[in-house]
Structures are given as structure tokens and as C-alpha cells.
Protein backbone atom coordinates (compact mmCIF):
# COMPACT_ATOMS: atom_id res chain seq x y z
CA MET A 1 0.01 -0.01 0.05
CA SER A 2 1.35 3.41 -0.96
CA THR A 3 1.97 6.16 1.55
CA GLY A 4 -0.59 8.30 -0.36
CA ILE A 5 -3.38 5.71 0.06
CA ALA A 6 -2.65 5.43 3.78
CA GLN A 7 -2.65 9.21 4.29
CA LEU A 8 -5.91 9.71 2.39
CA ALA A 9 -7.52 6.97 4.54
CA ARG A 10 -6.30 8.59 7.75
CA THR A 11 -7.63 11.99 6.55
CA LEU A 12 -11.13 10.60 5.92
CA ASP A 13 -11.09 8.42 9.04
CA ASP A 14 -10.10 11.51 11.13
CA ALA A 15 -12.86 13.51 9.58
CA GLN A 16 -15.40 10.86 10.52
CA ARG A 17 -14.07 10.47 14.03
CA SER A 18 -14.01 14.15 14.71
CA ALA A 19 -17.27 14.92 12.75
CA THR A 20 -15.44 17.57 10.81
CA ALA A 21 -15.87 17.89 7.01
CA THR A 22 -12.82 17.69 4.86
CA THR A 23 -12.08 18.78 1.35
CA GLN A 24 -12.84 16.68 -1.67
CA LEU A 25 -10.06 14.39 -3.06
CA GLY A 26 -10.84 15.20 -6.63
CA ASP A 27 -10.81 13.31 -10.00
CA ALA A 28 -7.12 12.60 -9.85
CA LEU A 29 -7.86 9.57 -7.59
CA SER A 30 -8.70 6.52 -9.74
CA ILE A 31 -11.62 4.20 -8.76
CA GLU A 32 -9.12 1.40 -8.08
CA ASP A 33 -7.14 3.63 -5.65
CA ALA A 34 -10.49 4.79 -4.12
CA TYR A 35 -11.32 1.27 -3.21
CA ALA A 36 -7.81 0.86 -1.85
CA VAL A 37 -8.47 3.84 0.43
CA GLN A 38 -11.73 2.30 1.49
CA ARG A 39 -10.00 -1.06 2.35
CA GLU A 40 -7.49 0.93 4.55
CA ILE A 41 -10.32 2.71 6.29
CA LEU A 42 -11.87 -0.72 7.05
CA ARG A 43 -8.54 -1.89 8.47
CA LEU A 44 -8.49 1.19 10.73
CA HIS A 45 -12.03 0.30 11.96
CA LEU A 46 -11.07 -3.26 12.68
CA GLN A 47 -7.87 -2.16 14.35
CA ARG A 48 -10.02 -0.21 16.81
CA GLY A 49 -11.89 -3.29 17.72
CA GLU A 50 -14.96 -3.09 15.42
CA THR A 51 -16.37 -6.12 13.73
CA TYR A 52 -16.91 -6.38 9.99
CA ALA A 53 -20.58 -7.06 9.17
CA GLY A 54 -20.94 -7.09 5.39
CA PRO A 55 -21.19 -5.08 2.21
CA LYS A 56 -23.59 -2.27 1.14
CA LEU A 57 -24.54 -1.23 -2.31
CA GLY A 58 -24.95 2.46 -3.24
CA PHE A 59 -26.43 4.43 -6.11
CA THR A 60 -28.63 1.48 -7.27
CA SER A 61 -31.60 3.84 -7.98
CA THR A 62 -31.80 6.46 -10.72
CA ALA A 63 -33.25 8.93 -8.15
CA LYS A 64 -30.28 8.58 -5.97
CA MET A 65 -27.81 8.87 -8.85
CA GLU A 66 -29.53 12.10 -9.99
CA GLN A 67 -29.55 13.46 -6.49
CA MET A 68 -25.88 13.00 -5.98
CA GLY A 69 -24.71 13.59 -9.60
CA VAL A 70 -23.11 10.19 -10.16
CA SER A 71 -23.87 7.30 -12.57
CA ASP A 72 -22.04 4.19 -11.29
CA ILE A 73 -23.10 1.63 -8.76
CA ILE A 74 -20.73 1.41 -5.80
CA VAL A 75 -20.08 -0.91 -2.88
CA GLY A 76 -18.87 -0.07 0.72
CA PHE A 77 -18.57 -1.94 4.04
CA LEU A 78 -20.65 -2.06 7.27
CA THR A 79 -19.43 -2.97 10.74
CA ARG A 80 -21.56 -4.17 13.57
CA GLU A 81 -20.98 -1.03 15.40
CA MET A 82 -22.79 0.92 12.70
CA GLU A 83 -25.99 -1.01 13.33
CA LEU A 84 -28.61 0.72 15.55
CA PRO A 85 -31.30 -1.24 17.33
CA ALA A 86 -34.75 -0.86 15.74
CA GLY A 87 -37.20 0.91 17.89
CA GLN A 88 -34.78 2.78 20.01
CA ALA A 89 -34.13 6.58 19.73
CA ILE A 90 -30.96 7.44 17.88
CA SER A 91 -28.55 10.27 18.35
CA LEU A 92 -27.02 12.43 15.64
CA ALA A 93 -23.98 13.06 17.75
CA GLY A 94 -20.78 12.43 15.88
CA LEU A 95 -22.32 13.04 12.48
CA ILE A 96 -21.64 15.93 10.13
CA HIS A 97 -24.67 16.41 7.84
CA PRO A 98 -26.80 13.15 8.12
CA ARG A 99 -29.40 12.01 5.65
CA ILE A 100 -31.62 9.01 5.86
CA GLU A 101 -33.15 6.73 3.28
CA PRO A 102 -35.29 3.57 3.08
CA GLU A 103 -33.71 0.29 1.89
CA LEU A 104 -34.17 -3.35 1.50
CA VAL A 105 -31.83 -5.49 3.43
CA PHE A 106 -30.90 -9.08 2.63
CA ARG A 107 -29.28 -11.51 5.08
CA LEU A 108 -26.83 -14.29 4.21
CA GLY A 109 -27.47 -17.59 5.82
CA HIS A 110 -23.99 -18.86 5.27
CA ASP A 111 -20.61 -17.63 4.09
CA VAL A 112 -20.12 -17.16 0.32
CA THR A 113 -16.49 -17.28 -0.89
CA PRO A 114 -15.66 -16.76 -4.63
CA GLU A 115 -14.11 -19.81 -6.15
CA ALA A 116 -11.04 -19.71 -8.47
CA GLY A 117 -12.12 -18.80 -11.94
CA GLU A 118 -15.76 -18.26 -10.98
CA ASP A 119 -17.53 -15.61 -13.02
CA ALA A 120 -19.88 -13.04 -11.62
CA ALA A 121 -23.06 -14.74 -12.89
CA ALA A 122 -22.22 -17.94 -11.02
CA LEU A 123 -21.26 -16.07 -7.90
CA ALA A 124 -24.46 -14.01 -8.01
CA ALA A 125 -26.51 -17.27 -8.14
CA ARG A 126 -24.75 -18.60 -5.07
CA ILE A 127 -25.17 -15.32 -3.17
CA ARG A 128 -28.82 -15.29 -3.97
CA ALA A 129 -29.15 -18.92 -2.89
CA ALA A 130 -27.40 -18.10 0.40
CA ALA A 131 -29.87 -15.25 1.27
CA ASP A 132 -32.34 -16.59 3.78
CA ALA A 133 -34.06 -13.42 4.88
CA VAL A 134 -35.01 -9.92 3.78
CA ALA A 135 -36.14 -6.88 5.83
CA ALA A 136 -37.17 -3.25 5.50
CA GLY A 137 -34.27 -1.04 6.55
CA MET A 138 -32.98 2.52 6.76
CA GLU A 139 -29.50 3.82 6.17
CA ILE A 140 -28.13 6.95 7.66
CA ILE A 141 -25.55 8.34 5.32
CA ASP A 142 -23.08 11.13 6.20
CA SER A 143 -20.52 12.20 3.65
CA ARG A 144 -17.32 13.39 5.25
CA TYR A 145 -16.90 15.98 2.55
CA GLU A 146 -17.66 19.62 2.68
CA ASN A 147 -21.19 20.55 1.52
CA PHE A 148 -22.05 16.91 0.91
CA ARG A 149 -20.50 17.09 -2.50
CA PHE A 150 -18.13 14.58 -4.14
CA THR A 151 -17.00 12.86 -7.21
CA LEU A 152 -17.41 9.12 -7.77
CA SER A 153 -13.90 8.38 -6.61
CA ASP A 154 -14.43 10.64 -3.53
CA VAL A 155 -17.48 8.76 -2.37
CA VAL A 156 -15.95 5.31 -2.91
CA ALA A 157 -12.92 6.24 -0.86
CA ASP A 158 -15.29 7.64 1.87
CA ASN A 159 -16.90 4.26 2.23
CA THR A 160 -19.91 5.33 0.17
CA SER A 161 -20.97 7.80 2.93
CA ALA A 162 -21.85 4.94 5.20
CA ALA A 163 -22.54 5.89 8.80
CA ARG A 164 -25.33 4.01 10.58
CA PHE A 165 -28.11 1.60 9.59
CA VAL A 166 -31.26 -0.01 11.04
CA VAL A 167 -32.84 -3.32 10.09
CA GLY A 168 -36.47 -4.11 10.75
CA GLU A 169 -38.04 -7.52 11.33
CA TRP A 170 -36.51 -10.27 9.20
CA GLN A 171 -38.93 -11.88 6.64
CA ASP A 172 -38.41 -15.23 4.95
CA PHE A 173 -36.66 -15.08 1.57
CA PRO A 174 -37.29 -15.87 -1.22
CA ARG A 175 -40.50 -13.78 -1.50
CA PRO A 176 -41.98 -11.32 -4.06
CA LEU A 177 -40.05 -8.04 -3.99
CA SER A 178 -40.83 -6.52 -7.36
CA GLY A 179 -43.34 -3.58 -7.61
CA LEU A 180 -43.76 -3.01 -3.91
CA SER A 181 -44.88 0.52 -2.97
CA VAL A 182 -42.71 2.63 -0.73
CA GLU A 183 -43.52 5.60 1.47
CA PHE A 184 -41.00 7.52 3.50
CA GLU A 185 -42.63 9.49 6.20
CA ILE A 186 -41.24 12.12 8.65
CA ASP A 187 -43.40 13.55 11.48
CA GLY A 188 -46.58 12.21 9.93
CA ALA A 189 -45.99 13.58 6.44
CA VAL A 190 -44.96 11.57 3.44
CA VAL A 191 -41.75 13.17 2.14
CA GLU A 192 -40.84 10.62 -0.51
CA ARG A 193 -42.68 7.93 -2.40
CA GLY A 194 -41.29 5.18 -4.52
CA VAL A 195 -41.30 1.56 -5.62
CA SER A 196 -39.06 -1.41 -4.86
CA ASP A 197 -38.12 -1.64 -8.51
CA ALA A 198 -36.21 1.62 -8.10
CA ILE A 199 -33.39 -0.73 -7.00
CA LEU A 200 -31.92 -1.66 -10.41
CA GLY A 201 -35.30 -2.28 -12.02
CA ASP A 202 -35.73 -5.36 -9.75
CA PRO A 203 -34.24 -5.69 -6.20
CA LEU A 204 -32.90 -9.21 -6.99
CA ARG A 205 -30.46 -7.56 -9.46
CA ALA A 206 -28.59 -6.36 -6.36
CA PHE A 207 -27.12 -9.82 -6.17
CA ASP A 208 -25.71 -9.46 -9.70
CA GLN A 209 -24.06 -6.09 -8.93
CA LEU A 210 -22.70 -7.35 -5.65
CA ALA A 211 -21.27 -10.39 -7.34
CA ALA A 212 -19.55 -8.31 -10.11
CA MET A 213 -18.02 -5.92 -7.53
CA THR A 214 -16.91 -8.85 -5.34
CA VAL A 215 -15.17 -10.51 -8.21
CA LYS A 216 -13.43 -7.25 -8.97
CA TYR A 217 -12.66 -5.88 -5.54
CA GLY A 218 -12.69 -8.86 -3.20
CA PHE A 219 -15.58 -7.98 -0.86
CA VAL A 220 -16.09 -10.50 1.97
CA LEU A 221 -19.50 -12.15 2.35
CA PRO A 222 -19.76 -13.79 5.78
CA ALA A 223 -22.69 -15.78 7.33
CA GLY A 224 -25.27 -13.39 8.86
CA ALA A 225 -24.01 -10.46 6.70
CA PRO A 226 -26.71 -7.71 6.22
CA ILE A 227 -26.55 -6.69 2.55
CA LEU A 228 -28.06 -3.15 2.01
CA ALA A 229 -29.39 -3.20 -1.49
CA GLY A 230 -29.60 0.51 -1.99
CA SER A 231 -32.18 3.23 -1.47
CA MET A 232 -35.53 3.31 -3.12
CA THR A 233 -35.98 7.13 -2.82
CA PRO A 234 -33.68 10.16 -2.50
CA ALA A 235 -32.13 10.59 0.85
CA VAL A 236 -33.73 13.15 3.32
CA TYR A 237 -31.94 15.42 5.75
CA LEU A 238 -32.21 14.17 9.30
CA GLU A 239 -32.71 16.47 12.32
CA PRO A 240 -33.13 16.01 16.05
CA GLY A 241 -36.70 15.34 17.20
CA GLN A 242 -37.95 13.75 14.00
CA HIS A 243 -40.16 10.53 13.85
CA VAL A 244 -39.25 8.65 10.68
CA VAL A 245 -41.26 5.76 9.20
CA ALA A 246 -40.24 3.55 6.33
CA ARG A 247 -43.39 1.87 4.90
CA ILE A 248 -42.71 -0.86 2.33
CA GLU A 249 -45.54 -2.86 1.05
CA SER A 250 -45.87 -6.40 2.59
CA PHE A 251 -43.23 -5.56 5.32
CA PRO A 252 -43.86 -4.36 8.91
CA ASP A 253 -43.38 -0.59 9.26
CA LEU A 254 -39.95 0.44 10.46
CA THR A 255 -39.78 3.47 12.65
CA VAL A 256 -36.89 5.60 13.94
CA ASP A 257 -37.08 8.42 16.52
CA VAL A 258 -34.25 10.95 16.57
CA ALA A 259 -33.16 12.16 19.88
């Protein structure tokens, strides 16, 4: 690992830990180097005693791509310390400019390890077969960059703006996931509406994208991993005192109160 990669990782890690926005890295950083920065940030998290949980997909919906001005799907990492208990009030302490969005979350019933020479299509089929549950979820994102603005390489290096996540009641999987209506409500008012097919045209395509990125960048897929499939609506700014409800057809409502 180059000194430059390590320094960029420390800069972003320090920005997250101090809740102080930093300047953008810019287009000079390649996507490959951005993922190297992300891997080093994960190493720093693990070094501090956190536990790797699993991967998360980002920018899987056109609305989210348009909102953030990017056009490529990305993958980041989650640790168990990022997960917040469903039904408990959450604090925004330690976050810079948090936003929240509704997601579908898959759970892996067992480890999935890419095999030598395995292509993405075969790996995708094995990941999908390993998924034993799905739930409504919410992700709190928090770019560490000034003004919540970034290039594609910026956001990849910054672990796809990952900050916190909440998972609702697990439901058996497989189950129908296409064409489900979505309402995102804050303080009793619907602020965003969508449909589950906002995720890549069909939420099951998340497995294809995850497999392709795993083959390319070596993401780890352990048993019990929560896989965030991406948002179904644009993200909404989060403020203290709010009551947030993610209402996804055929799933129990998921609520979050902000302290």
C-alpha cells in the first residue's frame, strides 16, 4: 500500500471520528485507488476493535444517482458497530450532515466465498441462494466531505458515505419483491414515495451487482451479513426530534425516532 493511500484513509477516518468535514479528493484519484483507500479505512475500523458485518450497495436507483450527480453503482462496508437497534431513539452526535433513506436489506444464511475462476453470474446465483431473509431497513448516510458534494472516486474512498443503519423484522426469503410501493414519512407527512423496482429495476439484481463488484474488488460475504441493496428514494436530511417511518408494502413498518 502506498503512503498516499494510507494518508488519504487517515484523513477521511479522522474527519469521520471528529465529525469535521474535509475537502474533496478530486478526480485525480482512480476508482481502483479509491477502493484501496476504503479498504485501509476498514482496516483502521477493525484495528480499533470493530467487527466487519458485510457489504452495502450504493447508487442502485436512478433517483439517488440524480440526487448525488453520479452514474455508477458502488459498494462499501458495514461494521456491527454501525447498526442501531430498531425501535430505539438514535442520536445524531458524531455526524456531520446526516441524511436518511429507506432500503431493502438481505441476510446471508452462510458464508459465500468466490471460487477460483468463478464468473460474476455464477457467484451471483450462489449469493442469492445463500440469502435466507429480507427486511425493511434504513440507512443513515453522512458524507465526510464539505457541503455533501463529491466525485465518484471521492464517495468510494469515503466508504460510500456509510454511517449508521437500522434493520427491521426479518422476513423469509425468497419472497416477491418486485413492484412494492414505498412511502417514507417524517413527522406524519410523506416526504418521498417510490417503488421497490427503483433498485436496479428489480431488487434481485442487487445480487448481480454485488457479485460483479466482489469478483473485481474482493468484498467478503460472511454468514449473517446484512446486505443493504440501496435506497428506493432520494435521501432526506435528518434532524433532532424527528419521527421517521419507512413503509414498504408487505413488510412491517420500520420506525426511527431521533433524539
